[in-house]
């Protein structure tokens, strides 16, 4: 598994809560990434085994996802079949299917 960025938008409060509940059983103390992820966005991460698959919409992929937005879990997709998106800068609005999730600790915190 390779780190390609983080998603901070597209979640409803209900979706965050549901994702947090599903990920509790998959918790692990170690990062699942082959190479270490940047430390600055990972300080509040909760690592999980890569058994959940989600769809992320993004503007372009240039080694990392640009402007990613969460679209939801995909139970019908096997995590072992997930691959990196291609570097196609001419296809804005593409969707990536991502395996493995790191749920932020603030997942259930209310915002004003």
PDB file of N, CA and C in Angstrom:
ATOM      1  N   UNK A   1       0.844  -1.163   0.000  1.00  0.00           N
ATOM      2  CA  UNK A   1       0.000   0.000   0.000  1.00  0.00           C
ATOM      3  C   UNK A   1       0.896   1.235   0.000  1.00  0.00           C
ATOM      4  N   UNK A   2       0.478   2.252  -0.751  1.00  0.00           N
ATOM      5  CA  UNK A   2       1.274   3.468  -0.919  1.00  0.00           C
ATOM      6  C   UNK A   2       0.435   4.677  -0.514  1.00  0.00           C
ATOM      7  N   UNK A   3       1.031   5.583   0.248  1.00  0.00           N
ATOM      8  CA  UNK A   3       0.352   6.811   0.657  1.00  0.00           C
ATOM      9  C   UNK A   3       0.292   7.771  -0.528  1.00  0.00           C
ATOM     10  N   UNK A   4      -0.917   8.256  -0.874  1.00  0.00           N
ATOM     11  CA  UNK A   4      -1.074   9.204  -1.976  1.00  0.00           C
ATOM     12  C   UNK A   4      -1.825  10.460  -1.550  1.00  0.00           C
ATOM     13  N   UNK A   5      -1.959  10.678  -0.251  1.00  0.00           N
ATOM     14  CA  UNK A   5      -2.621  11.880   0.234  1.00  0.00           C
ATOM     15  C   UNK A   5      -3.709  11.542   1.227  1.00  0.00           C
ATOM     16  N   UNK A   6      -4.373  12.566   1.706  1.00  0.00           N
ATOM     17  CA  UNK A   6      -5.462  12.377   2.664  1.00  0.00           C
ATOM     18  C   UNK A   6      -6.702  13.111   2.180  1.00  0.00           C
ATOM     19  N   UNK A   7      -7.839  12.659   2.633  1.00  0.00           N
ATOM     20  CA  UNK A   7      -9.116  13.247   2.250  1.00  0.00           C
ATOM     21  C   UNK A   7      -9.694  13.953   3.460  1.00  0.00           C
ATOM     22  N   UNK A   8     -10.033  15.220   3.308  1.00  0.00           N
ATOM     23  CA  UNK A   8     -10.572  15.976   4.421  1.00  0.00           C
ATOM     24  C   UNK A   8     -11.950  16.534   4.171  1.00  0.00           C
ATOM     25  N   UNK A   9     -12.542  16.224   3.014  1.00  0.00           N
ATOM     26  CA  UNK A   9     -13.853  16.760   2.686  1.00  0.00           C
ATOM     27  C   UNK A   9     -14.726  15.673   2.068  1.00  0.00           C
ATOM     28  N   UNK A  10     -16.022  15.932   2.037  1.00  0.00           N
ATOM     29  CA  UNK A  10     -16.950  14.981   1.444  1.00  0.00           C
ATOM     30  C   UNK A  10     -17.636  14.084   2.459  1.00  0.00           C
ATOM     31  N   UNK A  11     -17.221  14.173   3.721  1.00  0.00           N
ATOM     32  CA  UNK A  11     -17.804  13.345   4.778  1.00  0.00           C
ATOM     33  C   UNK A  11     -18.982  14.070   5.429  1.00  0.00           C
ATOM     34  N   UNK A  12     -20.084  13.366   5.624  1.00  0.00           N
ATOM     35  CA  UNK A  12     -21.136  13.886   6.493  1.00  0.00           C
ATOM     36  C   UNK A  12     -20.802  13.418   7.904  1.00  0.00           C
ATOM     37  N   UNK A  13     -21.413  13.998   8.896  1.00  0.00           N
ATOM     38  CA  UNK A  13     -21.163  13.573  10.271  1.00  0.00           C
ATOM     39  C   UNK A  13     -21.593  12.118  10.452  1.00  0.00           C
ATOM     40  N   UNK A  14     -22.712  11.733   9.850  1.00  0.00           N
ATOM     41  CA  UNK A  14     -23.182  10.349   9.951  1.00  0.00           C
ATOM     42  C   UNK A  14     -22.197   9.387   9.290  1.00  0.00           C
ATOM     43  N   UNK A  15     -21.645   9.781   8.139  1.00  0.00           N
ATOM     44  CA  UNK A  15     -20.671   8.932   7.451  1.00  0.00           C
ATOM     45  C   UNK A  15     -19.396   8.788   8.274  1.00  0.00           C
ATOM     46  N   UNK A  16     -18.970   9.853   8.919  1.00  0.00           N
ATOM     47  CA  UNK A  16     -17.781   9.786   9.781  1.00  0.00           C
ATOM     48  C   UNK A  16     -17.990   8.829  10.942  1.00  0.00           C
ATOM     49  N   UNK A  17     -19.146   8.931  11.563  1.00  0.00           N
ATOM     50  CA  UNK A  17     -19.442   8.047  12.691  1.00  0.00           C
ATOM     51  C   UNK A  17     -19.488   6.592  12.252  1.00  0.00           C
ATOM     52  N   UNK A  18     -20.150   6.323  11.121  1.00  0.00           N
ATOM     53  CA  UNK A  18     -20.254   4.948  10.609  1.00  0.00           C
ATOM     54  C   UNK A  18     -18.875   4.404  10.258  1.00  0.00           C
ATOM     55  N   UNK A  19     -18.047   5.215   9.628  1.00  0.00           N
ATOM     56  CA  UNK A  19     -16.700   4.796   9.254  1.00  0.00           C
ATOM     57  C   UNK A  19     -15.853   4.511  10.494  1.00  0.00           C
ATOM     58  N   UNK A  20     -15.989   5.339  11.501  1.00  0.00           N
ATOM     59  CA  UNK A  20     -15.265   5.132  12.749  1.00  0.00           C
ATOM     60  C   UNK A  20     -15.677   3.806  13.392  1.00  0.00           C
ATOM     61  N   UNK A  21     -16.968   3.516  13.432  1.00  0.00           N
ATOM     62  CA  UNK A  21     -17.446   2.260  14.018  1.00  0.00           C
ATOM     63  C   UNK A  21     -16.930   1.046  13.248  1.00  0.00           C
ATOM     64  N   UNK A  22     -16.960   1.110  11.915  1.00  0.00           N
ATOM     65  CA  UNK A  22     -16.484  -0.009  11.099  1.00  0.00           C
ATOM     66  C   UNK A  22     -14.987  -0.215  11.242  1.00  0.00           C
ATOM     67  N   UNK A  23     -14.253   0.853  11.452  1.00  0.00           N
ATOM     68  CA  UNK A  23     -12.798   0.748  11.505  1.00  0.00           C
ATOM     69  C   UNK A  23     -12.258   0.325  12.869  1.00  0.00           C
ATOM     70  N   UNK A  24     -13.061   0.395  13.906  1.00  0.00           N
ATOM     71  CA  UNK A  24     -12.584   0.031  15.248  1.00  0.00           C
ATOM     72  C   UNK A  24     -12.077  -1.409  15.302  1.00  0.00           C
ATOM     73  N   UNK A  25     -12.770  -2.315  14.646  1.00  0.00           N
ATOM     74  CA  UNK A  25     -12.363  -3.726  14.657  1.00  0.00           C
ATOM     75  C   UNK A  25     -11.108  -3.970  13.825  1.00  0.00           C
ATOM     76  N   UNK A  26     -10.745  -3.011  12.982  1.00  0.00           N
ATOM     77  CA  UNK A  26      -9.588  -3.161  12.098  1.00  0.00           C
ATOM     78  C   UNK A  26      -8.361  -2.414  12.614  1.00  0.00           C
ATOM     79  N   UNK A  27      -8.437  -1.864  13.804  1.00  0.00           N
ATOM     80  CA  UNK A  27      -7.353  -1.037  14.352  1.00  0.00           C
ATOM     81  C   UNK A  27      -6.047  -1.815  14.478  1.00  0.00           C
ATOM     82  N   UNK A  28      -4.957  -1.112  14.199  1.00  0.00           N
ATOM     83  CA  UNK A  28      -3.616  -1.659  14.342  1.00  0.00           C
ATOM     84  C   UNK A  28      -2.684  -0.510  14.758  1.00  0.00           C
ATOM     85  N   UNK A  29      -1.669  -0.765  15.548  1.00  0.00           N
ATOM     86  CA  UNK A  29      -0.774   0.315  15.975  1.00  0.00           C
ATOM     87  C   UNK A  29       0.220   0.749  14.893  1.00  0.00           C
ATOM     88  N   UNK A  30       0.381  -0.069  13.858  1.00  0.00           N
ATOM     89  CA  UNK A  30       1.402   0.204  12.840  1.00  0.00           C
ATOM     90  C   UNK A  30       0.800   0.716  11.539  1.00  0.00           C
ATOM     91  N   UNK A  31       1.533   1.594  10.881  1.00  0.00           N
ATOM     92  CA  UNK A  31       1.133   2.094   9.574  1.00  0.00           C
ATOM     93  C   UNK A  31       1.173   0.962   8.558  1.00  0.00           C
ATOM     94  N   UNK A  32       0.172   0.864   7.683  1.00  0.00           N
ATOM     95  CA  UNK A  32       0.160  -0.187   6.666  1.00  0.00           C
ATOM     96  C   UNK A  32       0.941   0.177   5.406  1.00  0.00           C
ATOM     97  N   UNK A  33       1.526   1.367   5.356  1.00  0.00           N
ATOM     98  CA  UNK A  33       2.189   1.825   4.141  1.00  0.00           C
ATOM     99  C   UNK A  33       3.562   1.201   3.960  1.00  0.00           C
ATOM    100  N   UNK A  34       3.900   0.915   2.696  1.00  0.00           N
ATOM    101  CA  UNK A  34       5.207   0.343   2.365  1.00  0.00           C
ATOM    102  C   UNK A  34       6.324   1.329   2.680  1.00  0.00           C
ATOM    103  N   UNK A  35       6.112   2.577   2.310  1.00  0.00           N
ATOM    104  CA  UNK A  35       7.047   3.663   2.655  1.00  0.00           C
ATOM    105  C   UNK A  35       6.348   4.521   3.680  1.00  0.00           C
ATOM    106  N   UNK A  36       7.112   5.156   4.531  1.00  0.00           N
ATOM    107  CA  UNK A  36       6.479   5.965   5.567  1.00  0.00           C
ATOM    108  C   UNK A  36       5.744   7.154   4.947  1.00  0.00           C
ATOM    109  N   UNK A  37       4.611   7.465   5.519  1.00  0.00           N
ATOM    110  CA  UNK A  37       3.821   8.606   5.082  1.00  0.00           C
ATOM    111  C   UNK A  37       4.392   9.865   5.714  1.00  0.00           C
ATOM    112  N   UNK A  38       4.133  11.039   5.129  1.00  0.00           N
ATOM    113  CA  UNK A  38       4.594  12.279   5.757  1.00  0.00           C
ATOM    114  C   UNK A  38       4.060  12.371   7.183  1.00  0.00           C
ATOM    115  N   UNK A  39       4.877  12.808   8.105  1.00  0.00           N
ATOM    116  CA  UNK A  39       4.478  12.806   9.511  1.00  0.00           C
ATOM    117  C   UNK A  39       3.465  13.889   9.854  1.00  0.00           C
ATOM    118  N   UNK A  40       3.466  15.023   9.139  1.00  0.00           N
ATOM    119  CA  UNK A  40       2.587  16.118   9.552  1.00  0.00           C
ATOM    120  C   UNK A  40       1.109  15.790   9.484  1.00  0.00           C
ATOM    121  N   UNK A  41       0.568  15.069   8.470  1.00  0.00           N
ATOM    122  CA  UNK A  41      -0.864  14.773   8.544  1.00  0.00           C
ATOM    123  C   UNK A  41      -1.167  13.521   9.361  1.00  0.00           C
ATOM    124  N   UNK A  42      -0.147  12.816   9.819  1.00  0.00           N
ATOM    125  CA  UNK A  42      -0.349  11.537  10.477  1.00  0.00           C
ATOM    126  C   UNK A  42      -0.317  11.604  12.000  1.00  0.00           C
ATOM    127  N   UNK A  43      -0.144  12.781  12.558  1.00  0.00           N
ATOM    128  CA  UNK A  43      -0.025  12.878  14.011  1.00  0.00           C
ATOM    129  C   UNK A  43      -1.295  12.438  14.728  1.00  0.00           C
ATOM    130  N   UNK A  44      -2.456  12.604  14.111  1.00  0.00           N
ATOM    131  CA  UNK A  44      -3.717  12.224  14.751  1.00  0.00           C
ATOM    132  C   UNK A  44      -4.370  11.027  14.051  1.00  0.00           C
ATOM    133  N   UNK A  45      -3.614  10.279  13.282  1.00  0.00           N
ATOM    134  CA  UNK A  45      -4.187   9.159  12.533  1.00  0.00           C
ATOM    135  C   UNK A  45      -4.387   7.942  13.424  1.00  0.00           C
ATOM    136  N   UNK A  46      -5.418   7.191  13.128  1.00  0.00           N
ATOM    137  CA  UNK A  46      -5.651   5.878  13.723  1.00  0.00           C
ATOM    138  C   UNK A  46      -5.508   4.885  12.590  1.00  0.00           C
ATOM    139  N   UNK A  47      -4.530   4.032  12.677  1.00  0.00           N
ATOM    140  CA  UNK A  47      -4.268   3.094  11.591  1.00  0.00           C
ATOM    141  C   UNK A  47      -5.220   1.909  11.635  1.00  0.00           C
ATOM    142  N   UNK A  48      -5.592   1.428  10.465  1.00  0.00           N
ATOM    143  CA  UNK A  48      -6.438   0.244  10.343  1.00  0.00           C
ATOM    144  C   UNK A  48      -5.838  -0.686   9.306  1.00  0.00           C
ATOM    145  N   UNK A  49      -6.162  -1.968   9.419  1.00  0.00           N
ATOM    146  CA  UNK A  49      -5.753  -2.917   8.390  1.00  0.00           C
ATOM    147  C   UNK A  49      -6.493  -2.574   7.105  1.00  0.00           C
ATOM    148  N   UNK A  50      -5.875  -2.682   5.942  1.00  0.00           N
ATOM    149  CA  UNK A  50      -6.509  -2.277   4.674  1.00  0.00           C
ATOM    150  C   UNK A  50      -7.553  -3.283   4.190  1.00  0.00           C
ATOM    151  N   UNK A  51      -8.699  -3.293   4.853  1.00  0.00           N
ATOM    152  CA  UNK A  51      -9.775  -4.209   4.479  1.00  0.00           C
ATOM    153  C   UNK A  51     -11.029  -3.479   4.042  1.00  0.00           C
ATOM    154  N   UNK A  52     -11.079  -2.172   4.195  1.00  0.00           N
ATOM    155  CA  UNK A  52     -12.198  -1.372   3.702  1.00  0.00           C
ATOM    156  C   UNK A  52     -11.765  -0.696   2.407  1.00  0.00           C
ATOM    157  N   UNK A  53     -12.703  -0.536   1.495  1.00  0.00           N
ATOM    158  CA  UNK A  53     -12.424   0.128   0.221  1.00  0.00           C
ATOM    159  C   UNK A  53     -13.377   1.301   0.084  1.00  0.00           C
ATOM    160  N   UNK A  54     -12.844   2.440  -0.306  1.00  0.00           N
ATOM    161  CA  UNK A  54     -13.676   3.624  -0.496  1.00  0.00           C
ATOM    162  C   UNK A  54     -13.375   4.292  -1.814  1.00  0.00           C
ATOM    163  N   UNK A  55     -14.327   5.093  -2.292  1.00  0.00           N
ATOM    164  CA  UNK A  55     -14.154   5.863  -3.520  1.00  0.00           C
ATOM    165  C   UNK A  55     -13.838   7.304  -3.152  1.00  0.00           C
ATOM    166  N   UNK A  56     -12.842   7.858  -3.835  1.00  0.00           N
ATOM    167  CA  UNK A  56     -12.423   9.234  -3.634  1.00  0.00           C
ATOM    168  C   UNK A  56     -12.425   9.922  -4.996  1.00  0.00           C
ATOM    169  N   UNK A  57     -13.123  11.040  -5.086  1.00  0.00           N
ATOM    170  CA  UNK A  57     -13.101  11.821  -6.325  1.00  0.00           C
ATOM    171  C   UNK A  57     -11.954  12.819  -6.217  1.00  0.00           C
ATOM    172  N   UNK A  58     -11.248  13.056  -7.322  1.00  0.00           N
ATOM    173  CA  UNK A  58     -10.100  13.961  -7.287  1.00  0.00           C
ATOM    174  C   UNK A  58      -9.960  14.686  -8.616  1.00  0.00           C
ATOM    175  N   UNK A  59      -9.194  15.766  -8.618  1.00  0.00           N
ATOM    176  CA  UNK A  59      -8.992  16.565  -9.825  1.00  0.00           C
ATOM    177  C   UNK A  59      -7.903  15.991 -10.721  1.00  0.00           C
ATOM    178  N   UNK A  60      -6.771  15.603 -10.123  1.00  0.00           N
ATOM    179  CA  UNK A  60      -5.709  14.966 -10.895  1.00  0.00           C
ATOM    180  C   UNK A  60      -4.813  14.180  -9.963  1.00  0.00           C
ATOM    181  N   UNK A  61      -4.053  13.277 -10.564  1.00  0.00           N
ATOM    182  CA  UNK A  61      -3.110  12.466  -9.807  1.00  0.00           C
ATOM    183  C   UNK A  61      -1.725  12.700 -10.377  1.00  0.00           C
ATOM    184  N   UNK A  62      -0.850  13.269  -9.574  1.00  0.00           N
ATOM    185  CA  UNK A  62       0.532  13.551  -9.981  1.00  0.00           C
ATOM    186  C   UNK A  62       1.477  12.994  -8.921  1.00  0.00           C
ATOM    187  N   UNK A  63       1.274  11.721  -8.570  1.00  0.00           N
ATOM    188  CA  UNK A  63       2.016  11.110  -7.485  1.00  0.00           C
ATOM    189  C   UNK A  63       1.271  11.225  -6.171  1.00  0.00           C
ATOM    190  N   UNK A  64       0.366  12.180  -6.108  1.00  0.00           N
ATOM    191  CA  UNK A  64      -0.538  12.375  -4.966  1.00  0.00           C
ATOM    192  C   UNK A  64      -1.874  12.850  -5.542  1.00  0.00           C
ATOM    193  N   UNK A  65      -2.949  12.610  -4.797  1.00  0.00           N
ATOM    194  CA  UNK A  65      -4.255  13.076  -5.245  1.00  0.00           C
ATOM    195  C   UNK A  65      -4.374  14.565  -4.992  1.00  0.00           C
ATOM    196  N   UNK A  66      -4.886  15.298  -5.997  1.00  0.00           N
ATOM    197  CA  UNK A  66      -5.112  16.735  -5.836  1.00  0.00           C
ATOM    198  C   UNK A  66      -6.598  16.978  -5.656  1.00  0.00           C
ATOM    199  N   UNK A  67      -6.953  17.705  -4.622  1.00  0.00           N
ATOM    200  CA  UNK A  67      -8.332  18.050  -4.282  1.00  0.00           C
ATOM    201  C   UNK A  67      -9.220  16.818  -4.114  1.00  0.00           C
ATOM    202  N   UNK A  68      -8.809  15.865  -3.262  1.00  0.00           N
ATOM    203  CA  UNK A  68      -9.625  14.659  -3.084  1.00  0.00           C
ATOM    204  C   UNK A  68     -10.872  14.926  -2.242  1.00  0.00           C
ATOM    205  N   UNK A  69     -11.941  14.220  -2.558  1.00  0.00           N
ATOM    206  CA  UNK A  69     -13.199  14.337  -1.833  1.00  0.00           C
ATOM    207  C   UNK A  69     -13.803  12.946  -1.656  1.00  0.00           C
ATOM    208  N   UNK A  70     -14.189  12.628  -0.444  1.00  0.00           N
ATOM    209  CA  UNK A  70     -14.735  11.319  -0.109  1.00  0.00           C
ATOM    210  C   UNK A  70     -16.089  11.108  -0.760  1.00  0.00           C
ATOM    211  N   UNK A  71     -16.317   9.924  -1.333  1.00  0.00           N
ATOM    212  CA  UNK A  71     -17.590   9.595  -1.958  1.00  0.00           C
ATOM    213  C   UNK A  71     -18.274   8.392  -1.329  1.00  0.00           C
ATOM    214  N   UNK A  72     -17.563   7.592  -0.553  1.00  0.00           N
ATOM    215  CA  UNK A  72     -18.223   6.502   0.160  1.00  0.00           C
ATOM    216  C   UNK A  72     -17.494   5.180   0.088  1.00  0.00           C
ATOM    217  N   UNK A  73     -17.924   4.255   0.933  1.00  0.00           N
ATOM    218  CA  UNK A  73     -17.358   2.909   0.970  1.00  0.00           C
ATOM    219  C   UNK A  73     -17.891   2.073  -0.188  1.00  0.00           C
ATOM    220  N   UNK A  74     -17.100   1.087  -0.615  1.00  0.00           N
ATOM    221  CA  UNK A  74     -17.474   0.196  -1.711  1.00  0.00           C
ATOM    222  C   UNK A  74     -17.291  -1.247  -1.250  1.00  0.00           C
ATOM    223  N   UNK A  75     -18.309  -1.820  -0.653  1.00  0.00           N
ATOM    224  CA  UNK A  75     -18.240  -3.176  -0.099  1.00  0.00           C
ATOM    225  C   UNK A  75     -18.072  -4.240  -1.172  1.00  0.00           C
ATOM    226  N   UNK A  76     -18.475  -3.951  -2.405  1.00  0.00           N
ATOM    227  CA  UNK A  76     -18.409  -4.959  -3.473  1.00  0.00           C
ATOM    228  C   UNK A  76     -17.016  -5.107  -4.098  1.00  0.00           C
ATOM    229  N   UNK A  77     -16.062  -4.283  -3.693  1.00  0.00           N
ATOM    230  CA  UNK A  77     -14.720  -4.331  -4.270  1.00  0.00           C
ATOM    231  C   UNK A  77     -13.754  -4.971  -3.282  1.00  0.00           C
ATOM    232  N   UNK A  78     -12.988  -5.929  -3.767  1.00  0.00           N
ATOM    233  CA  UNK A  78     -11.969  -6.617  -2.968  1.00  0.00           C
ATOM    234  C   UNK A  78     -10.754  -5.693  -2.818  1.00  0.00           C
ATOM    235  N   UNK A  79     -10.276  -5.450  -1.595  1.00  0.00           N
ATOM    236  CA  UNK A  79      -9.122  -4.561  -1.395  1.00  0.00           C
ATOM    237  C   UNK A  79      -7.869  -4.990  -2.170  1.00  0.00           C
ATOM    238  N   UNK A  80      -7.703  -6.271  -2.444  1.00  0.00           N
ATOM    239  CA  UNK A  80      -6.512  -6.725  -3.166  1.00  0.00           C
ATOM    240  C   UNK A  80      -6.549  -6.344  -4.644  1.00  0.00           C
ATOM    241  N   UNK A  81      -7.700  -5.921  -5.149  1.00  0.00           N
ATOM    242  CA  UNK A  81      -7.834  -5.534  -6.554  1.00  0.00           C
ATOM    243  C   UNK A  81      -7.612  -4.041  -6.784  1.00  0.00           C
ATOM    244  N   UNK A  82      -7.411  -3.274  -5.721  1.00  0.00           N
ATOM    245  CA  UNK A  82      -7.252  -1.826  -5.833  1.00  0.00           C
ATOM    246  C   UNK A  82      -5.850  -1.488  -6.320  1.00  0.00           C
ATOM    247  N   UNK A  83      -5.759  -0.589  -7.291  1.00  0.00           N
ATOM    248  CA  UNK A  83      -4.479  -0.140  -7.846  1.00  0.00           C
ATOM    249  C   UNK A  83      -4.415   1.389  -7.812  1.00  0.00           C
ATOM    250  N   UNK A  84      -3.213   1.914  -7.952  1.00  0.00           N
ATOM    251  CA  UNK A  84      -3.037   3.362  -8.023  1.00  0.00           C
ATOM    252  C   UNK A  84      -3.681   3.903  -9.292  1.00  0.00           C
ATOM    253  N   UNK A  85      -4.214   5.134  -9.235  1.00  0.00           N
ATOM    254  CA  UNK A  85      -4.720   5.741 -10.467  1.00  0.00           C
ATOM    255  C   UNK A  85      -3.554   6.079 -11.387  1.00  0.00           C
ATOM    256  N   UNK A  86      -3.843   6.253 -12.664  1.00  0.00           N
ATOM    257  CA  UNK A  86      -2.795   6.644 -13.612  1.00  0.00           C
ATOM    258  C   UNK A  86      -2.584   8.145 -13.516  1.00  0.00           C
ATOM    259  N   UNK A  87      -1.440   8.596 -13.982  1.00  0.00           N
ATOM    260  CA  UNK A  87      -1.144  10.034 -13.968  1.00  0.00           C
ATOM    261  C   UNK A  87      -1.757  10.686 -15.200  1.00  0.00           C
ATOM    262  N   UNK A  88      -3.052  10.793 -15.217  1.00  0.00           N
ATOM    263  CA  UNK A  88      -3.771  11.348 -16.361  1.00  0.00           C
ATOM    264  C   UNK A  88      -4.232  12.750 -16.002  1.00  0.00           C
ATOM    265  N   UNK A  89      -3.433  13.747 -16.361  1.00  0.00           N
ATOM    266  CA  UNK A  89      -3.745  15.124 -15.988  1.00  0.00           C
ATOM    267  C   UNK A  89      -4.819  15.725 -16.880  1.00  0.00           C
ATOM    268  N   UNK A  90      -5.224  15.040 -17.936  1.00  0.00           N
ATOM    269  CA  UNK A  90      -6.231  15.570 -18.846  1.00  0.00           C
ATOM    270  C   UNK A  90      -7.636  15.094 -18.535  1.00  0.00           C
ATOM    271  N   UNK A  91      -7.836  14.386 -17.443  1.00  0.00           N
ATOM    272  CA  UNK A  91      -9.157  13.872 -17.086  1.00  0.00           C
ATOM    273  C   UNK A  91      -9.578  14.362 -15.705  1.00  0.00           C
ATOM    274  N   UNK A  92      -9.975  15.637 -15.599  1.00  0.00           N
ATOM    275  CA  UNK A  92     -10.398  16.141 -14.286  1.00  0.00           C
ATOM    276  C   UNK A  92     -11.669  15.459 -13.819  1.00  0.00           C
ATOM    277  N   UNK A  93     -11.857  15.425 -12.500  1.00  0.00           N
ATOM    278  CA  UNK A  93     -13.057  14.854 -11.927  1.00  0.00           C
ATOM    279  C   UNK A  93     -13.055  13.339 -11.892  1.00  0.00           C
ATOM    280  N   UNK A  94     -11.901  12.711 -11.979  1.00  0.00           N
ATOM    281  CA  UNK A  94     -11.819  11.256 -11.953  1.00  0.00           C
ATOM    282  C   UNK A  94     -12.068  10.739 -10.552  1.00  0.00           C
ATOM    283  N   UNK A  95     -12.348   9.446 -10.464  1.00  0.00           N
ATOM    284  CA  UNK A  95     -12.562   8.824  -9.167  1.00  0.00           C
ATOM    285  C   UNK A  95     -11.533   7.725  -8.964  1.00  0.00           C
ATOM    286  N   UNK A  96     -11.035   7.647  -7.759  1.00  0.00           N
ATOM    287  CA  UNK A  96     -10.098   6.593  -7.392  1.00  0.00           C
ATOM    288  C   UNK A  96     -10.781   5.695  -6.371  1.00  0.00           C
ATOM    289  N   UNK A  97     -10.484   4.434  -6.444  1.00  0.00           N
ATOM    290  CA  UNK A  97     -10.960   3.501  -5.436  1.00  0.00           C
ATOM    291  C   UNK A  97      -9.764   3.202  -4.550  1.00  0.00           C
ATOM    292  N   UNK A  98      -9.884   3.515  -3.275  1.00  0.00           N
ATOM    293  CA  UNK A  98      -8.758   3.419  -2.362  1.00  0.00           C
ATOM    294  C   UNK A  98      -9.004   2.347  -1.310  1.00  0.00           C
ATOM    295  N   UNK A  99      -8.003   1.548  -1.050  1.00  0.00           N
ATOM    296  CA  UNK A  99      -8.085   0.539   0.017  1.00  0.00           C
ATOM    297  C   UNK A  99      -7.329   1.040   1.223  1.00  0.00           C
ATOM    298  N   UNK A 100      -7.847   0.729   2.390  1.00  0.00           N
ATOM    299  CA  UNK A 100      -7.176   1.158   3.615  1.00  0.00           C
ATOM    300  C   UNK A 100      -7.571   2.572   3.957  1.00  0.00           C
ATOM    301  N   UNK A 101      -7.840   2.797   5.188  1.00  0.00           N
ATOM    302  CA  UNK A 101      -8.278   4.106   5.625  1.00  0.00           C
ATOM    303  C   UNK A 101      -7.619   4.448   6.944  1.00  0.00           C
ATOM    304  N   UNK A 102      -7.280   5.702   7.119  1.00  0.00           N
ATOM    305  CA  UNK A 102      -6.811   6.187   8.415  1.00  0.00           C
ATOM    306  C   UNK A 102      -7.867   7.165   8.894  1.00  0.00           C
ATOM    307  N   UNK A 103      -8.517   6.865   9.978  1.00  0.00           N
ATOM    308  CA  UNK A 103      -9.614   7.693  10.472  1.00  0.00           C
ATOM    309  C   UNK A 103      -9.077   8.720  11.448  1.00  0.00           C
ATOM    310  N   UNK A 104      -9.312  10.017  11.189  1.00  0.00           N
ATOM    311  CA  UNK A 104      -8.823  11.026  12.114  1.00  0.00           C
ATOM    312  C   UNK A 104      -9.479  10.917  13.471  1.00  0.00           C
ATOM    313  N   UNK A 105      -8.734  11.250  14.520  1.00  0.00           N
ATOM    314  CA  UNK A 105      -9.267  11.185  15.874  1.00  0.00           C
ATOM    315  C   UNK A 105     -10.451  12.115  16.054  1.00  0.00           C
ATOM    316  N   UNK A 106     -10.505  13.152  15.269  1.00  0.00           N
ATOM    317  CA  UNK A 106     -11.593  14.114  15.392  1.00  0.00           C
ATOM    318  C   UNK A 106     -12.835  13.675  14.623  1.00  0.00           C
ATOM    319  N   UNK A 107     -12.904  12.434  14.217  1.00  0.00           N
ATOM    320  CA  UNK A 107     -13.979  11.938  13.359  1.00  0.00           C
ATOM    321  C   UNK A 107     -15.366  12.204  13.929  1.00  0.00           C
ATOM    322  N   UNK A 108     -15.525  12.192  15.218  1.00  0.00           N
ATOM    323  CA  UNK A 108     -16.855  12.372  15.796  1.00  0.00           C
ATOM    324  C   UNK A 108     -16.991  13.669  16.580  1.00  0.00           C
ATOM    325  N   UNK A 109     -16.029  14.537  16.446  1.00  0.00           N
ATOM    326  CA  UNK A 109     -16.099  15.815  17.150  1.00  0.00           C
ATOM    327  C   UNK A 109     -17.062  16.738  16.415  1.00  0.00           C
ATOM    328  N   UNK A 110     -17.903  17.405  17.144  1.00  0.00           N
ATOM    329  CA  UNK A 110     -18.837  18.332  16.524  1.00  0.00           C
ATOM    330  C   UNK A 110     -18.118  19.602  16.124  1.00  0.00           C
ATOM    331  N   UNK A 111     -18.509  20.159  14.982  1.00  0.00           N
ATOM    332  CA  UNK A 111     -17.971  21.458  14.568  1.00  0.00           C
ATOM    333  C   UNK A 111     -19.080  22.483  14.679  1.00  0.00           C
ATOM    334  N   UNK A 112     -18.697  23.700  14.850  1.00  0.00           N
ATOM    335  CA  UNK A 112     -19.709  24.775  14.992  1.00  0.00           C
ATOM    336  C   UNK A 112     -20.009  25.394  13.662  1.00  0.00           C
TER     337      UNK A 112
END
